[in-house]
Amino acid sequence: MHAPIPENFVHATNTAMRRYVVPFLESMLQDGSVLVDAGFVDGDGLAKTVDAEFLKGPHGEMDRTLFQIASTEIGLRGLSGGAE
């Protein structure tokens, strides 16, 4: 038997991204980034994207690419012995 409405976690994901990913990316841009320093991510473009996502407000759907960038940055920092 299938549920009448499939579960949807978009709201929870968007909330988590606003609460954790956007502030992490902002600090990453201010304090330095493995991805930006190595040239894999354009720092200016990322800053513009983070600002645009922040301006969407609490109900706008977040760009999932930001999660991928943040998680890759955290992983690389972990491998290099850097702080989170």
C-alpha atoms as a PDB file:
ATOM      1  CA  MET A   1       0.000   0.000   0.000  1.00  0.00           C
ATOM      2  CA  HIS A   2       1.288   3.436  -0.912  1.00  0.00           C
ATOM      3  CA  ALA A   3       0.855   6.586   1.126  1.00  0.00           C
ATOM      4  CA  PRO A   4      -1.655   8.995  -0.476  1.00  0.00           C
ATOM      5  CA  ILE A   5       0.955  11.766  -0.488  1.00  0.00           C
ATOM      6  CA  PRO A   6       4.645  10.882  -0.731  1.00  0.00           C
ATOM      7  CA  GLU A   7       6.814  12.320   2.006  1.00  0.00           C
ATOM      8  CA  ASN A   8       8.634  15.451   1.015  1.00  0.00           C
ATOM      9  CA  PHE A   9      11.603  16.776   2.946  1.00  0.00           C
ATOM     10  CA  VAL A  10      12.249  19.869   0.810  1.00  0.00           C
ATOM     11  CA  HIS A  11      11.116  22.208   3.593  1.00  0.00           C
ATOM     12  CA  ALA A  12      13.413  20.552   6.145  1.00  0.00           C
ATOM     13  CA  THR A  13      16.317  20.518   3.703  1.00  0.00           C
ATOM     14  CA  ASN A  14      15.866  24.188   2.844  1.00  0.00           C
ATOM     15  CA  THR A  15      15.695  25.103   6.537  1.00  0.00           C
ATOM     16  CA  ALA A  16      18.883  23.149   7.291  1.00  0.00           C
ATOM     17  CA  MET A  17      20.684  24.750   4.376  1.00  0.00           C
ATOM     18  CA  ARG A  18      19.717  28.243   5.550  1.00  0.00           C
ATOM     19  CA  ARG A  19      20.711  27.481   9.126  1.00  0.00           C
ATOM     20  CA  TYR A  20      23.996  25.650   8.518  1.00  0.00           C
ATOM     21  CA  VAL A  21      25.221  25.679   4.912  1.00  0.00           C
ATOM     22  CA  VAL A  22      24.850  29.380   4.113  1.00  0.00           C
ATOM     23  CA  PRO A  23      26.665  30.537   7.297  1.00  0.00           C
ATOM     24  CA  PHE A  24      29.406  27.955   6.687  1.00  0.00           C
ATOM     25  CA  LEU A  25      29.890  29.190   3.121  1.00  0.00           C
ATOM     26  CA  GLU A  26      29.980  32.795   4.314  1.00  0.00           C
ATOM     27  CA  SER A  27      32.701  31.943   6.846  1.00  0.00           C
ATOM     28  CA  MET A  28      34.511  29.902   4.209  1.00  0.00           C
ATOM     29  CA  LEU A  29      34.589  32.926   1.904  1.00  0.00           C
ATOM     30  CA  GLN A  30      35.885  35.191   4.687  1.00  0.00           C
ATOM     31  CA  ASP A  31      38.384  32.824   6.308  1.00  0.00           C
ATOM     32  CA  GLY A  32      39.725  30.993   3.268  1.00  0.00           C
ATOM     33  CA  SER A  33      38.711  27.921   1.340  1.00  0.00           C
ATOM     34  CA  VAL A  34      40.550  24.917  -0.034  1.00  0.00           C
ATOM     35  CA  LEU A  35      38.259  24.865  -3.087  1.00  0.00           C
ATOM     36  CA  VAL A  36      38.575  28.587  -3.810  1.00  0.00           C
ATOM     37  CA  ASP A  37      42.328  28.703  -3.154  1.00  0.00           C
ATOM     38  CA  ALA A  38      42.885  25.736  -5.503  1.00  0.00           C
ATOM     39  CA  GLY A  39      40.762  27.374  -8.218  1.00  0.00           C
ATOM     40  CA  PHE A  40      38.004  24.743  -8.229  1.00  0.00           C
ATOM     41  CA  VAL A  41      35.347  27.264  -7.140  1.00  0.00           C
ATOM     42  CA  ASP A  42      35.118  30.910  -8.179  1.00  0.00           C
ATOM     43  CA  GLY A  43      35.024  32.857  -4.910  1.00  0.00           C
ATOM     44  CA  ASP A  44      33.245  35.883  -6.381  1.00  0.00           C
ATOM     45  CA  GLY A  45      30.632  33.715  -8.074  1.00  0.00           C
ATOM     46  CA  LEU A  46      30.089  31.731  -4.894  1.00  0.00           C
ATOM     47  CA  ALA A  47      29.679  34.933  -2.875  1.00  0.00           C
ATOM     48  CA  LYS A  48      27.050  36.202  -5.331  1.00  0.00           C
ATOM     49  CA  THR A  49      25.208  32.885  -5.239  1.00  0.00           C
ATOM     50  CA  VAL A  50      25.240  32.759  -1.431  1.00  0.00           C
ATOM     51  CA  ASP A  51      23.876  36.326  -1.302  1.00  0.00           C
ATOM     52  CA  ALA A  52      21.146  35.469  -3.819  1.00  0.00           C
ATOM     53  CA  GLU A  53      20.146  32.370  -1.849  1.00  0.00           C
ATOM     54  CA  PHE A  54      20.008  34.352   1.376  1.00  0.00           C
ATOM     55  CA  LEU A  55      17.675  36.892  -0.257  1.00  0.00           C
ATOM     56  CA  LYS A  56      15.169  34.208  -1.315  1.00  0.00           C
ATOM     57  CA  GLY A  57      13.603  34.302   2.124  1.00  0.00           C
ATOM     58  CA  PRO A  58      12.451  31.457   4.325  1.00  0.00           C
ATOM     59  CA  HIS A  59      10.238  29.747   1.752  1.00  0.00           C
ATOM     60  CA  GLY A  60      12.401  29.835  -1.369  1.00  0.00           C
ATOM     61  CA  GLU A  61      13.991  26.591  -2.507  1.00  0.00           C
ATOM     62  CA  MET A  62      17.746  26.545  -1.974  1.00  0.00           C
ATOM     63  CA  ASP A  63      20.346  25.676  -4.630  1.00  0.00           C
ATOM     64  CA  ARG A  64      21.530  22.151  -3.733  1.00  0.00           C
ATOM     65  CA  THR A  65      24.908  22.846  -5.362  1.00  0.00           C
ATOM     66  CA  LEU A  66      25.765  24.910  -2.279  1.00  0.00           C
ATOM     67  CA  PHE A  67      25.467  21.776  -0.131  1.00  0.00           C
ATOM     68  CA  GLN A  68      27.823  19.922  -2.462  1.00  0.00           C
ATOM     69  CA  ILE A  69      30.380  22.730  -2.265  1.00  0.00           C
ATOM     70  CA  ALA A  70      30.159  22.923   1.534  1.00  0.00           C
ATOM     71  CA  SER A  71      30.404  19.158   2.024  1.00  0.00           C
ATOM     72  CA  THR A  72      33.370  18.902  -0.362  1.00  0.00           C
ATOM     73  CA  GLU A  73      35.121  21.763   1.461  1.00  0.00           C
ATOM     74  CA  ILE A  74      34.556  20.074   4.829  1.00  0.00           C
ATOM     75  CA  GLY A  75      35.845  16.759   3.477  1.00  0.00           C
ATOM     76  CA  LEU A  76      38.978  18.338   2.024  1.00  0.00           C
ATOM     77  CA  ARG A  77      39.665  20.177   5.261  1.00  0.00           C
ATOM     78  CA  GLY A  78      39.323  16.912   7.146  1.00  0.00           C
ATOM     79  CA  LEU A  79      41.759  15.156   4.816  1.00  0.00           C
ATOM     80  CA  SER A  80      44.275  17.980   5.098  1.00  0.00           C
ATOM     81  CA  GLY A  81      43.984  18.150   8.887  1.00  0.00           C
ATOM     82  CA  GLY A  82      42.362  21.620   8.755  1.00  0.00           C
ATOM     83  CA  ALA A  83      39.607  22.763  11.067  1.00  0.00           C
ATOM     84  CA  GLU A  84      35.923  22.489  10.124  1.00  0.00           C
END
